[in-house]
PDB file of N, CA and C in Angstrom:
ATOM      1  N   MET A   1     -10.376  -3.590 -10.820  1.00  0.00           N
ATOM      2  CA  MET A   1     -10.176  -3.600  -9.365  1.00  0.00           C
ATOM      3  C   MET A   1     -10.023  -2.172  -8.851  1.00  0.00           C
ATOM      4  N   ILE A   2     -10.833  -1.851  -7.939  1.00  0.00           N
ATOM      5  CA  ILE A   2     -10.840  -0.482  -7.337  1.00  0.00           C
ATOM      6  C   ILE A   2      -9.519  -0.145  -6.789  1.00  0.00           C
ATOM      7  N   VAL A   3      -8.887  -0.979  -5.980  1.00  0.00           N
ATOM      8  CA  VAL A   3      -7.606  -0.632  -5.351  1.00  0.00           C
ATOM      9  C   VAL A   3      -6.472  -0.355  -6.413  1.00  0.00           C
ATOM     10  N   LEU A   4      -6.398  -1.084  -7.430  1.00  0.00           N
ATOM     11  CA  LEU A   4      -5.416  -0.812  -8.412  1.00  0.00           C
ATOM     12  C   LEU A   4      -5.708   0.494  -9.122  1.00  0.00           C
ATOM     13  N   ALA A   5      -6.886   0.818  -9.320  1.00  0.00           N
ATOM     14  CA  ALA A   5      -7.301   2.087  -9.912  1.00  0.00           C
ATOM     15  C   ALA A   5      -6.811   3.228  -8.998  1.00  0.00           C
ATOM     16  N   VAL A   6      -6.995   3.006  -7.682  1.00  0.00           N
ATOM     17  CA  VAL A   6      -6.476   4.019  -6.721  1.00  0.00           C
ATOM     18  C   VAL A   6      -4.974   4.174  -6.848  1.00  0.00           C
ATOM     19  N   CYS A   7      -4.328   3.052  -6.830  1.00  0.00           N
ATOM     20  CA  CYS A   7      -2.841   3.096  -6.994  1.00  0.00           C
ATOM     21  C   CYS A   7      -2.372   3.762  -8.283  1.00  0.00           C
ATOM     22  N   TRP A   8      -3.051   3.281  -9.409  1.00  0.00           N
ATOM     23  CA  TRP A   8      -2.606   3.815 -10.741  1.00  0.00           C
ATOM     24  C   TRP A   8      -2.959   5.261 -10.947  1.00  0.00           C
ATOM     25  N   GLY A   9      -3.989   5.706 -10.263  1.00  0.00           N
ATOM     26  CA  GLY A   9      -4.385   7.072 -10.333  1.00  0.00           C
ATOM     27  C   GLY A   9      -3.487   8.127  -9.712  1.00  0.00           C
ATOM     28  N   SER A  10      -2.660   7.593  -8.835  1.00  0.00           N
ATOM     29  CA  SER A  10      -1.737   8.546  -8.081  1.00  0.00           C
ATOM     30  C   SER A  10      -0.632   8.917  -9.072  1.00  0.00           C
ATOM     31  N   GLN A  11      -0.337  10.199  -9.066  1.00  0.00           N
ATOM     32  CA  GLN A  11       0.757  10.795  -9.891  1.00  0.00           C
ATOM     33  C   GLN A  11       1.956  11.203  -9.030  1.00  0.00           C
ATOM     34  N   ALA A  12       1.841  11.054  -7.695  1.00  0.00           N
ATOM     35  CA  ALA A  12       2.863  11.517  -6.814  1.00  0.00           C
ATOM     36  C   ALA A  12       3.949  10.534  -6.583  1.00  0.00           C
ATOM     37  N   PHE A  13       5.119  11.155  -6.229  1.00  0.00           N
ATOM     38  CA  PHE A  13       6.253  10.330  -5.950  1.00  0.00           C
ATOM     39  C   PHE A  13       6.596  10.460  -4.430  1.00  0.00           C
ATOM     40  N   ALA A  14       6.925   9.302  -3.865  1.00  0.00           N
ATOM     41  CA  ALA A  14       7.266   9.429  -2.366  1.00  0.00           C
ATOM     42  C   ALA A  14       8.403  10.344  -2.108  1.00  0.00           C
ATOM     43  N   GLN A  15       8.313  11.076  -0.989  1.00  0.00           N
ATOM     44  CA  GLN A  15       9.403  11.944  -0.614  1.00  0.00           C
ATOM     45  C   GLN A  15      10.406  11.242   0.258  1.00  0.00           C
ATOM     46  N   GLY A  16      10.124  10.118   0.717  1.00  0.00           N
ATOM     47  CA  GLY A  16      11.073   9.389   1.631  1.00  0.00           C
ATOM     48  C   GLY A  16      10.314   8.146   2.128  1.00  0.00           C
ATOM     49  N   VAL A  17      10.996   7.405   2.941  1.00  0.00           N
ATOM     50  CA  VAL A  17      10.448   6.166   3.500  1.00  0.00           C
ATOM     51  C   VAL A  17       9.543   6.459   4.587  1.00  0.00           C
ATOM     52  N   PRO A  18       8.306   5.860   4.543  1.00  0.00           N
ATOM     53  CA  PRO A  18       7.363   6.193   5.703  1.00  0.00           C
ATOM     54  C   PRO A  18       7.961   5.693   7.014  1.00  0.00           C
ATOM     55  N   LYS A  19       7.824   6.521   8.080  1.00  0.00           N
ATOM     56  CA  LYS A  19       8.418   6.149   9.415  1.00  0.00           C
ATOM     57  C   LYS A  19       8.023   4.840   9.863  1.00  0.00           C
ATOM     58  N   VAL A  20       6.783   4.357   9.651  1.00  0.00           N
ATOM     59  CA  VAL A  20       6.258   3.056  10.211  1.00  0.00           C
ATOM     60  C   VAL A  20       6.982   1.830   9.611  1.00  0.00           C
ATOM     61  N   ILE A  21       7.741   2.044   8.504  1.00  0.00           N
ATOM     62  CA  ILE A  21       8.434   0.884   7.863  1.00  0.00           C
ATOM     63  C   ILE A  21       9.894   0.970   7.922  1.00  0.00           C
ATOM     64  N   GLN A  22      10.464   2.027   8.476  1.00  0.00           N
ATOM     65  CA  GLN A  22      11.877   2.251   8.464  1.00  0.00           C
ATOM     66  C   GLN A  22      12.693   1.142   9.006  1.00  0.00           C
ATOM     67  N   ASP A  23      12.210   0.382  10.022  1.00  0.00           N
ATOM     68  CA  ASP A  23      12.913  -0.721  10.658  1.00  0.00           C
ATOM     69  C   ASP A  23      12.424  -2.055  10.093  1.00  0.00           C
ATOM     70  N   LEU A  24      11.581  -2.064   9.049  1.00  0.00           N
ATOM     71  CA  LEU A  24      11.057  -3.290   8.494  1.00  0.00           C
ATOM     72  C   LEU A  24      11.726  -3.651   7.180  1.00  0.00           C
ATOM     73  N   ASP A  25      11.551  -4.964   6.742  1.00  0.00           N
ATOM     74  CA  ASP A  25      11.968  -5.387   5.444  1.00  0.00           C
ATOM     75  C   ASP A  25      10.961  -4.969   4.333  1.00  0.00           C
ATOM     76  N   TYR A  26      11.403  -4.141   3.380  1.00  0.00           N
ATOM     77  CA  TYR A  26      10.587  -3.635   2.381  1.00  0.00           C
ATOM     78  C   TYR A  26      11.321  -3.618   1.047  1.00  0.00           C
ATOM     79  N   ASP A  27      10.518  -3.562  -0.058  1.00  0.00           N
ATOM     80  CA  ASP A  27      11.096  -3.363  -1.397  1.00  0.00           C
ATOM     81  C   ASP A  27      10.553  -1.930  -1.819  1.00  0.00           C
ATOM     82  N   ARG A  28      11.496  -1.297  -2.472  1.00  0.00           N
ATOM     83  CA  ARG A  28      11.098   0.008  -3.062  1.00  0.00           C
ATOM     84  C   ARG A  28      11.170  -0.118  -4.559  1.00  0.00           C
ATOM     85  N   THR A  29      10.118   0.126  -5.212  1.00  0.00           N
ATOM     86  CA  THR A  29       9.999   0.005  -6.742  1.00  0.00           C
ATOM     87  C   THR A  29       9.105   1.075  -7.356  1.00  0.00           C
ATOM     88  N   GLU A  30       9.049   1.021  -8.639  1.00  0.00           N
ATOM     89  CA  GLU A  30       8.163   1.935  -9.383  1.00  0.00           C
ATOM     90  C   GLU A  30       7.119   1.094 -10.187  1.00  0.00           C
ATOM     91  N   ILE A  31       5.920   1.612 -10.137  1.00  0.00           N
ATOM     92  CA  ILE A  31       4.857   0.965 -10.936  1.00  0.00           C
ATOM     93  C   ILE A  31       4.259   2.037 -11.918  1.00  0.00           C
ATOM     94  N   PRO A  32       3.881   1.575 -13.145  1.00  0.00           N
ATOM     95  CA  PRO A  32       3.381   2.461 -14.092  1.00  0.00           C
ATOM     96  C   PRO A  32       1.869   2.778 -13.827  1.00  0.00           C
ATOM     97  N   THR A  33       1.510   4.021 -14.087  1.00  0.00           N
ATOM     98  CA  THR A  33       0.024   4.347 -14.050  1.00  0.00           C
ATOM     99  C   THR A  33      -0.543   3.957 -15.323  1.00  0.00           C
ATOM    100  N   GLU A  34      -1.851   4.074 -15.561  1.00  0.00           N
ATOM    101  CA  GLU A  34      -2.493   3.773 -16.767  1.00  0.00           C
ATOM    102  C   GLU A  34      -2.031   4.595 -17.906  1.00  0.00           C
ATOM    103  N   ASP A  35      -1.490   5.820 -17.652  1.00  0.00           N
ATOM    104  CA  ASP A  35      -0.903   6.670 -18.622  1.00  0.00           C
ATOM    105  C   ASP A  35       0.614   6.361 -18.957  1.00  0.00           C
ATOM    106  N   GLY A  36       1.134   5.380 -18.241  1.00  0.00           N
ATOM    107  CA  GLY A  36       2.529   5.014 -18.521  1.00  0.00           C
ATOM    108  C   GLY A  36       3.556   5.766 -17.621  1.00  0.00           C
ATOM    109  N   GLU A  37       3.030   6.720 -16.783  1.00  0.00           N
ATOM    110  CA  GLU A  37       3.972   7.415 -15.872  1.00  0.00           C
ATOM    111  C   GLU A  37       4.247   6.551 -14.683  1.00  0.00           C
ATOM    112  N   MET A  38       5.476   6.696 -14.216  1.00  0.00           N
ATOM    113  CA  MET A  38       5.907   5.829 -13.097  1.00  0.00           C
ATOM    114  C   MET A  38       5.710   6.496 -11.707  1.00  0.00           C
ATOM    115  N   PHE A  39       5.297   5.793 -10.724  1.00  0.00           N
ATOM    116  CA  PHE A  39       5.284   6.306  -9.362  1.00  0.00           C
ATOM    117  C   PHE A  39       5.894   5.283  -8.419  1.00  0.00           C
ATOM    118  N   GLU A  40       6.409   5.809  -7.374  1.00  0.00           N
ATOM    119  CA  GLU A  40       7.201   4.957  -6.359  1.00  0.00           C
ATOM    120  C   GLU A  40       6.285   4.378  -5.374  1.00  0.00           C
ATOM    121  N   VAL A  41       6.550   3.054  -5.039  1.00  0.00           N
ATOM    122  CA  VAL A  41       5.746   2.351  -4.067  1.00  0.00           C
ATOM    123  C   VAL A  41       6.769   1.571  -3.124  1.00  0.00           C
ATOM    124  N   PHE A  42       6.292   1.302  -1.875  1.00  0.00           N
ATOM    125  CA  PHE A  42       7.008   0.411  -0.981  1.00  0.00           C
ATOM    126  C   PHE A  42       6.109  -0.755  -0.795  1.00  0.00           C
ATOM    127  N   ILE A  43       6.769  -1.952  -0.862  1.00  0.00           N
ATOM    128  CA  ILE A  43       5.978  -3.180  -0.745  1.00  0.00           C
ATOM    129  C   ILE A  43       6.561  -3.993   0.418  1.00  0.00           C
ATOM    130  N   ILE A  44       5.664  -4.374   1.305  1.00  0.00           N
ATOM    131  CA  ILE A  44       6.048  -5.082   2.555  1.00  0.00           C
ATOM    132  C   ILE A  44       5.315  -6.497   2.515  1.00  0.00           C
ATOM    133  N   GLU A  45       6.066  -7.526   2.549  1.00  0.00           N
ATOM    134  CA  GLU A  45       5.440  -8.850   2.560  1.00  0.00           C
ATOM    135  C   GLU A  45       5.920  -9.688   3.867  1.00  0.00           C
ATOM    136  N   ASP A  46       7.213  -9.692   4.065  1.00  0.00           N
ATOM    137  CA  ASP A  46       7.699 -10.537   5.196  1.00  0.00           C
ATOM    138  C   ASP A  46       7.279  -9.972   6.507  1.00  0.00           C
ATOM    139  N   ASP A  47       7.295  -8.637   6.747  1.00  0.00           N
ATOM    140  CA  ASP A  47       6.902  -8.017   7.958  1.00  0.00           C
ATOM    141  C   ASP A  47       5.468  -7.519   7.924  1.00  0.00           C
ATOM    142  N   TYR A  48       4.602  -8.183   7.185  1.00  0.00           N
ATOM    143  CA  TYR A  48       3.178  -7.900   7.081  1.00  0.00           C
ATOM    144  C   TYR A  48       2.479  -7.694   8.375  1.00  0.00           C
ATOM    145  N   ASN A  49       2.656  -8.763   9.240  1.00  0.00           N
ATOM    146  CA  ASN A  49       1.939  -8.765  10.503  1.00  0.00           C
ATOM    147  C   ASN A  49       2.382  -7.642  11.399  1.00  0.00           C
ATOM    148  N   THR A  50       3.596  -7.373  11.507  1.00  0.00           N
ATOM    149  CA  THR A  50       4.137  -6.251  12.275  1.00  0.00           C
ATOM    150  C   THR A  50       3.535  -4.920  11.802  1.00  0.00           C
ATOM    151  N   LEU A  51       3.558  -4.654  10.470  1.00  0.00           N
ATOM    152  CA  LEU A  51       3.032  -3.504   9.898  1.00  0.00           C
ATOM    153  C   LEU A  51       1.573  -3.299  10.082  1.00  0.00           C
ATOM    154  N   LYS A  52       0.796  -4.449   9.973  1.00  0.00           N
ATOM    155  CA  LYS A  52      -0.606  -4.477  10.249  1.00  0.00           C
ATOM    156  C   LYS A  52      -0.993  -3.904  11.670  1.00  0.00           C
ATOM    157  N   LYS A  53      -0.173  -4.316  12.654  1.00  0.00           N
ATOM    158  CA  LYS A  53      -0.436  -3.834  14.004  1.00  0.00           C
ATOM    159  C   LYS A  53      -0.168  -2.334  14.147  1.00  0.00           C
ATOM    160  N   ARG A  54       0.796  -1.857  13.389  1.00  0.00           N
ATOM    161  CA  ARG A  54       1.141  -0.420  13.499  1.00  0.00           C
ATOM    162  C   ARG A  54       0.106   0.421  12.728  1.00  0.00           C
ATOM    163  N   MET A  55      -0.603  -0.154  11.819  1.00  0.00           N
ATOM    164  CA  MET A  55      -1.557   0.508  11.008  1.00  0.00           C
ATOM    165  C   MET A  55      -2.999   0.567  11.565  1.00  0.00           C
ATOM    166  N   ARG A  56      -3.191  -0.138  12.618  1.00  0.00           N
ATOM    167  CA  ARG A  56      -4.472  -0.200  13.255  1.00  0.00           C
ATOM    168  C   ARG A  56      -5.255   1.116  13.518  1.00  0.00           C
ATOM    169  N   LYS A  57      -4.492   2.117  13.984  1.00  0.00           N
ATOM    170  CA  LYS A  57      -5.048   3.430  14.288  1.00  0.00           C
ATOM    171  C   LYS A  57      -5.254   4.351  13.077  1.00  0.00           C
ATOM    172  N   MET A  58      -4.747   3.916  11.962  1.00  0.00           N
ATOM    173  CA  MET A  58      -4.915   4.826  10.764  1.00  0.00           C
ATOM    174  C   MET A  58      -6.383   4.739  10.200  1.00  0.00           C
ATOM    175  N   LYS A  59      -6.708   5.869   9.599  1.00  0.00           N
ATOM    176  CA  LYS A  59      -8.027   6.007   9.068  1.00  0.00           C
ATOM    177  C   LYS A  59      -8.238   4.993   7.972  1.00  0.00           C
ATOM    178  N   ILE A  60      -9.358   4.298   7.938  1.00  0.00           N
ATOM    179  CA  ILE A  60      -9.687   3.390   6.861  1.00  0.00           C
ATOM    180  C   ILE A  60     -10.454   4.162   5.756  1.00  0.00           C
ATOM    181  N   VAL A  61     -10.007   4.151   4.506  1.00  0.00           N
ATOM    182  CA  VAL A  61     -10.466   4.903   3.389  1.00  0.00           C
ATOM    183  C   VAL A  61     -11.474   4.100   2.568  1.00  0.00           C
ATOM    184  N   GLU A  62     -11.104   2.798   2.389  1.00  0.00           N
ATOM    185  CA  GLU A  62     -11.957   1.968   1.558  1.00  0.00           C
ATOM    186  C   GLU A  62     -11.574   0.415   1.844  1.00  0.00           C
ATOM    187  N   VAL A  63     -12.640  -0.352   1.762  1.00  0.00           N
ATOM    188  CA  VAL A  63     -12.517  -1.786   1.901  1.00  0.00           C
ATOM    189  C   VAL A  63     -13.139  -2.443   0.614  1.00  0.00           C
ATOM    190  N   ASP A  64     -12.464  -3.341   0.036  1.00  0.00           N
ATOM    191  CA  ASP A  64     -12.945  -4.012  -1.147  1.00  0.00           C
ATOM    192  C   ASP A  64     -12.559  -5.485  -1.161  1.00  0.00           C
ATOM    193  N   ARG A  65     -13.362  -6.241  -1.768  1.00  0.00           N
ATOM    194  CA  ARG A  65     -13.019  -7.669  -1.927  1.00  0.00           C
ATOM    195  C   ARG A  65     -13.191  -8.115  -3.370  1.00  0.00           C
ATOM    196  N   GLU A  66     -12.223  -8.811  -3.766  1.00  0.00           N
ATOM    197  CA  GLU A  66     -12.306  -9.419  -5.179  1.00  0.00           C
ATOM    198  C   GLU A  66     -11.899 -10.899  -5.080  1.00  0.00           C
ATOM    199  N   GLY A  67     -12.831 -11.750  -5.328  1.00  0.00           N
ATOM    200  CA  GLY A  67     -12.651 -13.185  -5.154  1.00  0.00           C
ATOM    201  C   GLY A  67     -12.270 -13.450  -3.755  1.00  0.00           C
ATOM    202  N   THR A  68     -11.120 -14.096  -3.532  1.00  0.00           N
ATOM    203  CA  THR A  68     -10.686 -14.488  -2.258  1.00  0.00           C
ATOM    204  C   THR A  68      -9.758 -13.392  -1.604  1.00  0.00           C
ATOM    205  N   LEU A  69      -9.499 -12.292  -2.303  1.00  0.00           N
ATOM    206  CA  LEU A  69      -8.611 -11.295  -1.797  1.00  0.00           C
ATOM    207  C   LEU A  69      -9.453 -10.122  -1.125  1.00  0.00           C
ATOM    208  N   LEU A  70      -8.956  -9.684  -0.011  1.00  0.00           N
ATOM    209  CA  LEU A  70      -9.465  -8.557   0.783  1.00  0.00           C
ATOM    210  C   LEU A  70      -8.517  -7.482   0.690  1.00  0.00           C
ATOM    211  N   PHE A  71      -8.974  -6.208   0.317  1.00  0.00           N
ATOM    212  CA  PHE A  71      -8.202  -5.076   0.214  1.00  0.00           C
ATOM    213  C   PHE A  71      -8.719  -3.977   1.169  1.00  0.00           C
ATOM    214  N   VAL A  72      -7.780  -3.470   1.941  1.00  0.00           N
ATOM    215  CA  VAL A  72      -8.129  -2.362   2.956  1.00  0.00           C
ATOM    216  C   VAL A  72      -7.230  -1.226   2.680  1.00  0.00           C
ATOM    217  N   VAL A  73      -7.728   0.002   2.400  1.00  0.00           N
ATOM    218  CA  VAL A  73      -6.892   1.157   2.146  1.00  0.00           C
ATOM    219  C   VAL A  73      -6.974   2.079   3.406  1.00  0.00           C
ATOM    220  N   ARG A  74      -5.871   2.299   3.981  1.00  0.00           N
ATOM    221  CA  ARG A  74      -5.700   3.251   5.071  1.00  0.00           C
ATOM    222  C   ARG A  74      -4.887   4.412   4.699  1.00  0.00           C
ATOM    223  N   GLU A  75      -4.850   5.474   5.471  1.00  0.00           N
ATOM    224  CA  GLU A  75      -4.084   6.600   5.127  1.00  0.00           C
ATOM    225  C   GLU A  75      -3.497   7.403   6.417  1.00  0.00           C
ATOM    226  N   ASP A  76      -2.439   8.043   6.240  1.00  0.00           N
ATOM    227  CA  ASP A  76      -1.968   9.030   7.175  1.00  0.00           C
ATOM    228  C   ASP A  76      -1.959  10.311   6.475  1.00  0.00           C
ATOM    229  N   ASP A  77      -1.171  11.306   7.005  1.00  0.00           N
ATOM    230  CA  ASP A  77      -1.077  12.637   6.358  1.00  0.00           C
ATOM    231  C   ASP A  77      -0.433  12.609   4.939  1.00  0.00           C
ATOM    232  N   VAL A  78       0.429  11.633   4.727  1.00  0.00           N
ATOM    233  CA  VAL A  78       1.303  11.688   3.528  1.00  0.00           C
ATOM    234  C   VAL A  78       1.054  10.443   2.642  1.00  0.00           C
ATOM    235  N   PHE A  79       0.847   9.280   3.197  1.00  0.00           N
ATOM    236  CA  PHE A  79       0.832   8.055   2.430  1.00  0.00           C
ATOM    237  C   PHE A  79      -0.555   7.338   2.531  1.00  0.00           C
ATOM    238  N   GLU A  80      -0.803   6.440   1.482  1.00  0.00           N
ATOM    239  CA  GLU A  80      -1.870   5.513   1.557  1.00  0.00           C
ATOM    240  C   GLU A  80      -1.213   4.135   1.609  1.00  0.00           C
ATOM    241  N   TYR A  81      -1.919   3.310   2.435  1.00  0.00           N
ATOM    242  CA  TYR A  81      -1.424   1.946   2.721  1.00  0.00           C
ATOM    243  C   TYR A  81      -2.510   0.956   2.274  1.00  0.00           C
ATOM    244  N   VAL A  82      -2.104   0.173   1.258  1.00  0.00           N
ATOM    245  CA  VAL A  82      -3.155  -0.782   0.709  1.00  0.00           C
ATOM    246  C   VAL A  82      -2.739  -2.152   1.247  1.00  0.00           C
ATOM    247  N   SER A  83      -3.521  -2.665   2.186  1.00  0.00           N
ATOM    248  CA  SER A  83      -3.271  -3.952   2.744  1.00  0.00           C
ATOM    249  C   SER A  83      -4.136  -4.974   1.910  1.00  0.00           C
ATOM    250  N   SER A  84      -3.468  -5.992   1.412  1.00  0.00           N
ATOM    251  CA  SER A  84      -4.223  -7.033   0.578  1.00  0.00           C
ATOM    252  C   SER A  84      -3.822  -8.377   1.122  1.00  0.00           C
ATOM    253  N   ARG A  85      -4.795  -9.175   1.353  1.00  0.00           N
ATOM    254  CA  ARG A  85      -4.540 -10.590   1.826  1.00  0.00           C
ATOM    255  C   ARG A  85      -5.605 -11.531   1.303  1.00  0.00           C
ATOM    256  N   GLY A  86      -5.124 -12.816   1.134  1.00  0.00           N
ATOM    257  CA  GLY A  86      -6.019 -13.867   0.756  1.00  0.00           C
ATOM    258  C   GLY A  86      -5.307 -15.165   1.070  1.00  0.00           C
ATOM    259  N   VAL A  87      -5.765 -16.251   0.570  1.00  0.00           N
ATOM    260  CA  VAL A  87      -5.127 -17.584   0.896  1.00  0.00           C
ATOM    261  C   VAL A  87      -3.744 -17.590   0.473  1.00  0.00           C
ATOM    262  N   GLY A  88      -2.783 -17.650   1.412  1.00  0.00           N
ATOM    263  CA  GLY A  88      -1.372 -17.762   1.142  1.00  0.00           C
ATOM    264  C   GLY A  88      -0.753 -16.447   0.680  1.00  0.00           C
ATOM    265  N   PHE A  89      -1.443 -15.307   0.737  1.00  0.00           N
ATOM    266  CA  PHE A  89      -0.978 -14.027   0.247  1.00  0.00           C
ATOM    267  C   PHE A  89      -1.222 -12.922   1.207  1.00  0.00           C
ATOM    268  N   LYS A  90      -0.085 -12.168   1.664  1.00  0.00           N
ATOM    269  CA  LYS A  90      -0.288 -10.991   2.449  1.00  0.00           C
ATOM    270  C   LYS A  90       0.769  -9.959   1.979  1.00  0.00           C
ATOM    271  N   ARG A  91       0.234  -8.774   1.682  1.00  0.00           N
ATOM    272  CA  ARG A  91       1.127  -7.718   1.235  1.00  0.00           C
ATOM    273  C   ARG A  91       0.520  -6.296   1.625  1.00  0.00           C
ATOM    274  N   VAL A  92       1.426  -5.350   1.904  1.00  0.00           N
ATOM    275  CA  VAL A  92       1.004  -3.991   2.056  1.00  0.00           C
ATOM    276  C   VAL A  92       1.776  -3.178   1.038  1.00  0.00           C
ATOM    277  N   THR A  93       1.074  -2.391   0.294  1.00  0.00           N
ATOM    278  CA  THR A  93       1.669  -1.475  -0.762  1.00  0.00           C
ATOM    279  C   THR A  93       1.482  -0.094  -0.252  1.00  0.00           C
ATOM    280  N   ILE A  94       2.555   0.696  -0.263  1.00  0.00           N
ATOM    281  CA  ILE A  94       2.462   2.114   0.248  1.00  0.00           C
ATOM    282  C   ILE A  94       2.880   3.048  -0.811  1.00  0.00           C
ATOM    283  N   TYR A  95       2.055   4.131  -0.916  1.00  0.00           N
ATOM    284  CA  TYR A  95       2.435   5.131  -1.973  1.00  0.00           C
ATOM    285  C   TYR A  95       2.005   6.466  -1.472  1.00  0.00           C
ATOM    286  N   THR A  96       2.643   7.542  -1.974  1.00  0.00           N
ATOM    287  CA  THR A  96       2.234   8.902  -1.691  1.00  0.00           C
ATOM    288  C   THR A  96       0.919   9.245  -2.164  1.00  0.00           C
ATOM    289  N   LYS A  97       0.064   9.885  -1.328  1.00  0.00           N
ATOM    290  CA  LYS A  97      -1.296  10.316  -1.762  1.00  0.00           C
ATOM    291  C   LYS A  97      -1.304  11.270  -2.899  1.00  0.00           C
TER     292      LYS A  97
END
């Protein structure tokens, strides 16, 4: 999956919480790269619709579909935002570029 490769390829660690999610419900966690190194991500599920509206003006980097899931990667100056949705599933994963 292209989107996971993009996520796993990142070696950067987030410098702080992205401003667009500071007032939203998010989980902060670490995910391993293919090399086993950890990088920090922010995951938003409950406030997906609110965040989606805030992300509309961000530059779209990539769009991908795998089965019933749609992935849209957007970016700002510091972070990449991977929006993924499908039947009964909505999530935005954010990580440092």
